[in-house]
Each structure stands twice: as structure tokens, then as C-alpha cells.
Amino acid sequence: MGMSENPFKIIEPREEVPATMKKEVMGSVRAVVLILRFVQLFVGDFTNAFIDNFKTNKPKSK
């Protein structure tokens, strides 16, 4: 891509997206999905864990 070429030009539906751009976008999407899955794994249901800490009438142990 030359200096005079606009990197933000609108790609028409009939135009083919460059292969390098497809690889970059898909790599970024995969990275975000992986990060979100890790967050979901470790912080799955944080609301219940948070609320359990503030319950006032906890069950009595025997």
C-alpha cells in the first residue's frame, strides 16, 4: 500500500477484500474470543458469588 492510497477507503461489495486484511481481522477476532472465554471461565457467575458474601440470614451449620 503506497503513501497516496487511502487505507480507510470504502470497499465496494463487488470488490475482494485483501487476503492480508482478512488474516489480520480474523486473528484479532480469535484473540478477543479467547480472552472472553477465559474471563467467562474464571468470572462465570460473579453476581451469585458476590451476593452470597452479603446474605444476612445464612443457613446454620449443624
PDB file of N, CA and C in Angstrom:
ATOM      1  N   MET A   1       0.856  -1.167   0.000  1.00  0.00           N
ATOM      2  CA  MET A   1       0.000   0.000   0.000  1.00  0.00           C
ATOM      3  C   MET A   1       0.902   1.230   0.000  1.00  0.00           C
ATOM      4  N   GLY A   2       0.708   2.078  -0.951  1.00  0.00           N
ATOM      5  CA  GLY A   2       1.520   3.278  -1.072  1.00  0.00           C
ATOM      6  C   GLY A   2       1.055   4.374  -0.137  1.00  0.00           C
ATOM      7  N   MET A   3       1.850   5.417  -0.045  1.00  0.00           N
ATOM      8  CA  MET A   3       1.513   6.531   0.841  1.00  0.00           C
ATOM      9  C   MET A   3       0.294   7.297   0.341  1.00  0.00           C
ATOM     10  N   SER A   4       0.080   7.328  -0.980  1.00  0.00           N
ATOM     11  CA  SER A   4      -1.040   8.094  -1.520  1.00  0.00           C
ATOM     12  C   SER A   4      -2.355   7.316  -1.468  1.00  0.00           C
ATOM     13  N   GLU A   5      -2.307   6.015  -1.186  1.00  0.00           N
ATOM     14  CA  GLU A   5      -3.517   5.196  -1.155  1.00  0.00           C
ATOM     15  C   GLU A   5      -4.221   5.351   0.188  1.00  0.00           C
ATOM     16  N   ASN A   6      -5.517   5.537   0.173  1.00  0.00           N
ATOM     17  CA  ASN A   6      -6.311   5.760   1.378  1.00  0.00           C
ATOM     18  C   ASN A   6      -6.571   4.420   2.076  1.00  0.00           C
ATOM     19  N   PRO A   7      -6.059   4.212   3.309  1.00  0.00           N
ATOM     20  CA  PRO A   7      -6.297   2.936   3.993  1.00  0.00           C
ATOM     21  C   PRO A   7      -7.724   2.795   4.503  1.00  0.00           C
ATOM     22  N   PHE A   8      -8.488   3.892   4.532  1.00  0.00           N
ATOM     23  CA  PHE A   8      -9.847   3.869   5.043  1.00  0.00           C
ATOM     24  C   PHE A   8     -10.888   3.931   3.931  1.00  0.00           C
ATOM     25  N   LYS A   9     -10.484   3.603   2.719  1.00  0.00           N
ATOM     26  CA  LYS A   9     -11.436   3.666   1.613  1.00  0.00           C
ATOM     27  C   LYS A   9     -12.530   2.626   1.800  1.00  0.00           C
ATOM     28  N   ILE A  10     -13.696   2.918   1.298  1.00  0.00           N
ATOM     29  CA  ILE A  10     -14.838   2.015   1.408  1.00  0.00           C
ATOM     30  C   ILE A  10     -14.671   0.913   0.378  1.00  0.00           C
ATOM     31  N   ILE A  11     -14.786  -0.324   0.841  1.00  0.00           N
ATOM     32  CA  ILE A  11     -14.679  -1.463  -0.066  1.00  0.00           C
ATOM     33  C   ILE A  11     -16.072  -1.757  -0.602  1.00  0.00           C
ATOM     34  N   GLU A  12     -16.202  -1.699  -1.883  1.00  0.00           N
ATOM     35  CA  GLU A  12     -17.480  -1.967  -2.534  1.00  0.00           C
ATOM     36  C   GLU A  12     -17.799  -3.459  -2.430  1.00  0.00           C
ATOM     37  N   PRO A  13     -19.087  -3.830  -2.409  1.00  0.00           N
ATOM     38  CA  PRO A  13     -19.452  -5.246  -2.303  1.00  0.00           C
ATOM     39  C   PRO A  13     -18.882  -6.121  -3.419  1.00  0.00           C
ATOM     40  N   ARG A  14     -18.650  -5.541  -4.569  1.00  0.00           N
ATOM     41  CA  ARG A  14     -18.129  -6.330  -5.689  1.00  0.00           C
ATOM     42  C   ARG A  14     -16.614  -6.480  -5.628  1.00  0.00           C
ATOM     43  N   GLU A  15     -15.960  -5.720  -4.740  1.00  0.00           N
ATOM     44  CA  GLU A  15     -14.514  -5.817  -4.597  1.00  0.00           C
ATOM     45  C   GLU A  15     -14.148  -6.937  -3.634  1.00  0.00           C
ATOM     46  N   GLU A  16     -12.987  -7.532  -3.849  1.00  0.00           N
ATOM     47  CA  GLU A  16     -12.485  -8.579  -2.972  1.00  0.00           C
ATOM     48  C   GLU A  16     -11.615  -7.945  -1.888  1.00  0.00           C
ATOM     49  N   VAL A  17     -11.812  -8.364  -0.644  1.00  0.00           N
ATOM     50  CA  VAL A  17     -11.001  -7.864   0.465  1.00  0.00           C
ATOM     51  C   VAL A  17      -9.620  -8.504   0.365  1.00  0.00           C
ATOM     52  N   PRO A  18      -8.550  -7.719   0.580  1.00  0.00           N
ATOM     53  CA  PRO A  18      -7.208  -8.293   0.510  1.00  0.00           C
ATOM     54  C   PRO A  18      -7.026  -9.429   1.524  1.00  0.00           C
ATOM     55  N   ALA A  19      -6.302 -10.465   1.126  1.00  0.00           N
ATOM     56  CA  ALA A  19      -6.112 -11.643   1.975  1.00  0.00           C
ATOM     57  C   ALA A  19      -5.395 -11.295   3.272  1.00  0.00           C
ATOM     58  N   THR A  20      -4.446 -10.367   3.213  1.00  0.00           N
ATOM     59  CA  THR A  20      -3.722  -9.998   4.438  1.00  0.00           C
ATOM     60  C   THR A  20      -4.653  -9.335   5.437  1.00  0.00           C
ATOM     61  N   MET A  21      -5.603  -8.537   4.940  1.00  0.00           N
ATOM     62  CA  MET A  21      -6.555  -7.875   5.828  1.00  0.00           C
ATOM     63  C   MET A  21      -7.473  -8.904   6.477  1.00  0.00           C
ATOM     64  N   LYS A  22      -7.899  -9.904   5.706  1.00  0.00           N
ATOM     65  CA  LYS A  22      -8.752 -10.959   6.254  1.00  0.00           C
ATOM     66  C   LYS A  22      -8.030 -11.683   7.386  1.00  0.00           C
ATOM     67  N   LYS A  23      -6.745 -12.000   7.179  1.00  0.00           N
ATOM     68  CA  LYS A  23      -5.968 -12.718   8.194  1.00  0.00           C
ATOM     69  C   LYS A  23      -5.820 -11.873   9.456  1.00  0.00           C
ATOM     70  N   GLU A  24      -5.553 -10.582   9.311  1.00  0.00           N
ATOM     71  CA  GLU A  24      -5.402  -9.699  10.468  1.00  0.00           C
ATOM     72  C   GLU A  24      -6.694  -9.600  11.263  1.00  0.00           C
ATOM     73  N   VAL A  25      -7.809  -9.426  10.560  1.00  0.00           N
ATOM     74  CA  VAL A  25      -9.101  -9.279  11.236  1.00  0.00           C
ATOM     75  C   VAL A  25      -9.481 -10.577  11.942  1.00  0.00           C
ATOM     76  N   MET A  26      -9.327 -11.701  11.263  1.00  0.00           N
ATOM     77  CA  MET A  26      -9.692 -12.975  11.876  1.00  0.00           C
ATOM     78  C   MET A  26      -8.780 -13.294  13.055  1.00  0.00           C
ATOM     79  N   GLY A  27      -7.511 -12.926  12.980  1.00  0.00           N
ATOM     80  CA  GLY A  27      -6.598 -13.126  14.103  1.00  0.00           C
ATOM     81  C   GLY A  27      -7.025 -12.305  15.301  1.00  0.00           C
ATOM     82  N   SER A  28      -7.442 -11.073  15.060  1.00  0.00           N
ATOM     83  CA  SER A  28      -7.915 -10.204  16.145  1.00  0.00           C
ATOM     84  C   SER A  28      -9.204 -10.738  16.756  1.00  0.00           C
ATOM     85  N   VAL A  29     -10.106 -11.206  15.919  1.00  0.00           N
ATOM     86  CA  VAL A  29     -11.375 -11.751  16.404  1.00  0.00           C
ATOM     87  C   VAL A  29     -11.114 -12.991  17.255  1.00  0.00           C
ATOM     88  N   ARG A  30     -10.228 -13.859  16.791  1.00  0.00           N
ATOM     89  CA  ARG A  30      -9.905 -15.070  17.564  1.00  0.00           C
ATOM     90  C   ARG A  30      -9.297 -14.712  18.913  1.00  0.00           C
ATOM     91  N   ALA A  31      -8.442 -13.712  18.955  1.00  0.00           N
ATOM     92  CA  ALA A  31      -7.820 -13.301  20.212  1.00  0.00           C
ATOM     93  C   ALA A  31      -8.872 -12.773  21.186  1.00  0.00           C
ATOM     94  N   VAL A  32      -9.804 -11.966  20.704  1.00  0.00           N
ATOM     95  CA  VAL A  32     -10.861 -11.417  21.564  1.00  0.00           C
ATOM     96  C   VAL A  32     -11.761 -12.536  22.078  1.00  0.00           C
ATOM     97  N   VAL A  33     -12.121 -13.482  21.219  1.00  0.00           N
ATOM     98  CA  VAL A  33     -12.965 -14.599  21.640  1.00  0.00           C
ATOM     99  C   VAL A  33     -12.251 -15.426  22.701  1.00  0.00           C
ATOM    100  N   LEU A  34     -10.969 -15.667  22.529  1.00  0.00           N
ATOM    101  CA  LEU A  34     -10.205 -16.432  23.505  1.00  0.00           C
ATOM    102  C   LEU A  34     -10.164 -15.716  24.850  1.00  0.00           C
ATOM    103  N   ILE A  35      -9.932 -14.422  24.834  1.00  0.00           N
ATOM    104  CA  ILE A  35      -9.906 -13.634  26.073  1.00  0.00           C
ATOM    105  C   ILE A  35     -11.276 -13.678  26.759  1.00  0.00           C
ATOM    106  N   LEU A  36     -12.339 -13.522  25.995  1.00  0.00           N
ATOM    107  CA  LEU A  36     -13.687 -13.550  26.579  1.00  0.00           C
ATOM    108  C   LEU A  36     -14.003 -14.915  27.188  1.00  0.00           C
ATOM    109  N   ARG A  37     -13.536 -15.982  26.547  1.00  0.00           N
ATOM    110  CA  ARG A  37     -13.780 -17.320  27.102  1.00  0.00           C
ATOM    111  C   ARG A  37     -13.025 -17.522  28.408  1.00  0.00           C
ATOM    112  N   PHE A  38     -11.791 -17.017  28.497  1.00  0.00           N
ATOM    113  CA  PHE A  38     -11.048 -17.119  29.749  1.00  0.00           C
ATOM    114  C   PHE A  38     -11.733 -16.312  30.847  1.00  0.00           C
ATOM    115  N   VAL A  39     -12.205 -15.124  30.518  1.00  0.00           N
ATOM    116  CA  VAL A  39     -12.903 -14.300  31.503  1.00  0.00           C
ATOM    117  C   VAL A  39     -14.158 -15.015  31.966  1.00  0.00           C
ATOM    118  N   GLN A  40     -14.893 -15.594  31.044  1.00  0.00           N
ATOM    119  CA  GLN A  40     -16.110 -16.313  31.391  1.00  0.00           C
ATOM    120  C   GLN A  40     -15.804 -17.528  32.258  1.00  0.00           C
ATOM    121  N   LEU A  41     -14.677 -18.175  32.007  1.00  0.00           N
ATOM    122  CA  LEU A  41     -14.289 -19.345  32.779  1.00  0.00           C
ATOM    123  C   LEU A  41     -14.026 -18.992  34.237  1.00  0.00           C
ATOM    124  N   PHE A  42     -13.301 -17.908  34.479  1.00  0.00           N
ATOM    125  CA  PHE A  42     -12.896 -17.556  35.833  1.00  0.00           C
ATOM    126  C   PHE A  42     -13.876 -16.626  36.550  1.00  0.00           C
ATOM    127  N   VAL A  43     -14.706 -15.930  35.813  1.00  0.00           N
ATOM    128  CA  VAL A  43     -15.645 -14.990  36.427  1.00  0.00           C
ATOM    129  C   VAL A  43     -17.059 -15.349  35.983  1.00  0.00           C
ATOM    130  N   GLY A  44     -17.307 -16.633  35.816  1.00  0.00           N
ATOM    131  CA  GLY A  44     -18.558 -17.114  35.248  1.00  0.00           C
ATOM    132  C   GLY A  44     -19.806 -16.509  35.836  1.00  0.00           C
ATOM    133  N   ASP A  45     -20.017 -16.673  37.121  1.00  0.00           N
ATOM    134  CA  ASP A  45     -21.238 -16.170  37.728  1.00  0.00           C
ATOM    135  C   ASP A  45     -20.859 -15.350  38.950  1.00  0.00           C
ATOM    136  N   PHE A  46     -20.251 -14.206  38.708  1.00  0.00           N
ATOM    137  CA  PHE A  46     -19.737 -13.391  39.803  1.00  0.00           C
ATOM    138  C   PHE A  46     -20.853 -12.771  40.640  1.00  0.00           C
ATOM    139  N   THR A  47     -22.041 -12.596  40.066  1.00  0.00           N
ATOM    140  CA  THR A  47     -23.123 -11.965  40.837  1.00  0.00           C
ATOM    141  C   THR A  47     -23.550 -12.844  41.998  1.00  0.00           C
ATOM    142  N   ASN A  48     -23.704 -14.149  41.771  1.00  0.00           N
ATOM    143  CA  ASN A  48     -24.095 -15.041  42.869  1.00  0.00           C
ATOM    144  C   ASN A  48     -22.996 -15.117  43.915  1.00  0.00           C
ATOM    145  N   ALA A  49     -21.749 -15.178  43.500  1.00  0.00           N
ATOM    146  CA  ALA A  49     -20.641 -15.219  44.458  1.00  0.00           C
ATOM    147  C   ALA A  49     -20.595 -13.929  45.266  1.00  0.00           C
ATOM    148  N   PHE A  50     -20.853 -12.820  44.640  1.00  0.00           N
ATOM    149  CA  PHE A  50     -20.835 -11.523  45.317  1.00  0.00           C
ATOM    150  C   PHE A  50     -21.996 -11.413  46.298  1.00  0.00           C
ATOM    151  N   ILE A  51     -23.190 -11.815  45.877  1.00  0.00           N
ATOM    152  CA  ILE A  51     -24.373 -11.712  46.720  1.00  0.00           C
ATOM    153  C   ILE A  51     -24.273 -12.669  47.910  1.00  0.00           C
ATOM    154  N   ASP A  52     -23.710 -13.863  47.716  1.00  0.00           N
ATOM    155  CA  ASP A  52     -23.561 -14.823  48.813  1.00  0.00           C
ATOM    156  C   ASP A  52     -22.751 -14.244  49.964  1.00  0.00           C
ATOM    157  N   ASN A  53     -21.821 -13.369  49.688  1.00  0.00           N
ATOM    158  CA  ASN A  53     -20.996 -12.774  50.741  1.00  0.00           C
ATOM    159  C   ASN A  53     -21.771 -11.775  51.594  1.00  0.00           C
ATOM    160  N   PHE A  54     -22.894 -11.274  51.113  1.00  0.00           N
ATOM    161  CA  PHE A  54     -23.636 -10.251  51.834  1.00  0.00           C
ATOM    162  C   PHE A  54     -24.999 -10.723  52.345  1.00  0.00           C
ATOM    163  N   LYS A  55     -25.248 -12.017  52.309  1.00  0.00           N
ATOM    164  CA  LYS A  55     -26.516 -12.524  52.837  1.00  0.00           C
ATOM    165  C   LYS A  55     -26.516 -12.410  54.355  1.00  0.00           C
ATOM    166  N   THR A  56     -27.637 -11.986  54.898  1.00  0.00           N
ATOM    167  CA  THR A  56     -27.716 -11.818  56.356  1.00  0.00           C
ATOM    168  C   THR A  56     -28.282 -13.039  57.058  1.00  0.00           C
ATOM    169  N   ASN A  57     -29.101 -13.793  56.392  1.00  0.00           N
ATOM    170  CA  ASN A  57     -29.688 -14.986  57.019  1.00  0.00           C
ATOM    171  C   ASN A  57     -29.113 -16.243  56.351  1.00  0.00           C
ATOM    172  N   LYS A  58     -27.862 -16.513  56.672  1.00  0.00           N
ATOM    173  CA  LYS A  58     -27.193 -17.689  56.123  1.00  0.00           C
ATOM    174  C   LYS A  58     -27.689 -18.941  56.845  1.00  0.00           C
ATOM    175  N   PRO A  59     -27.731 -20.077  56.162  1.00  0.00           N
ATOM    176  CA  PRO A  59     -28.160 -21.311  56.833  1.00  0.00           C
ATOM    177  C   PRO A  59     -27.184 -21.686  57.953  1.00  0.00           C
ATOM    178  N   LYS A  60     -27.750 -22.163  59.073  1.00  0.00           N
ATOM    179  CA  LYS A  60     -26.918 -22.555  60.216  1.00  0.00           C
ATOM    180  C   LYS A  60     -26.361 -23.950  59.996  1.00  0.00           C
ATOM    181  N   SER A  61     -25.100 -24.115  60.304  1.00  0.00           N
ATOM    182  CA  SER A  61     -24.496 -25.440  60.166  1.00  0.00           C
ATOM    183  C   SER A  61     -24.812 -26.256  61.398  1.00  0.00           C
ATOM    184  N   LYS A  62     -24.893 -27.567  61.260  1.00  0.00           N
ATOM    185  CA  LYS A  62     -25.263 -28.461  62.370  1.00  0.00           C
ATOM    186  C   LYS A  62     -24.111 -28.811  63.252  1.00  0.00           C
TER     187      LYS A  62
END
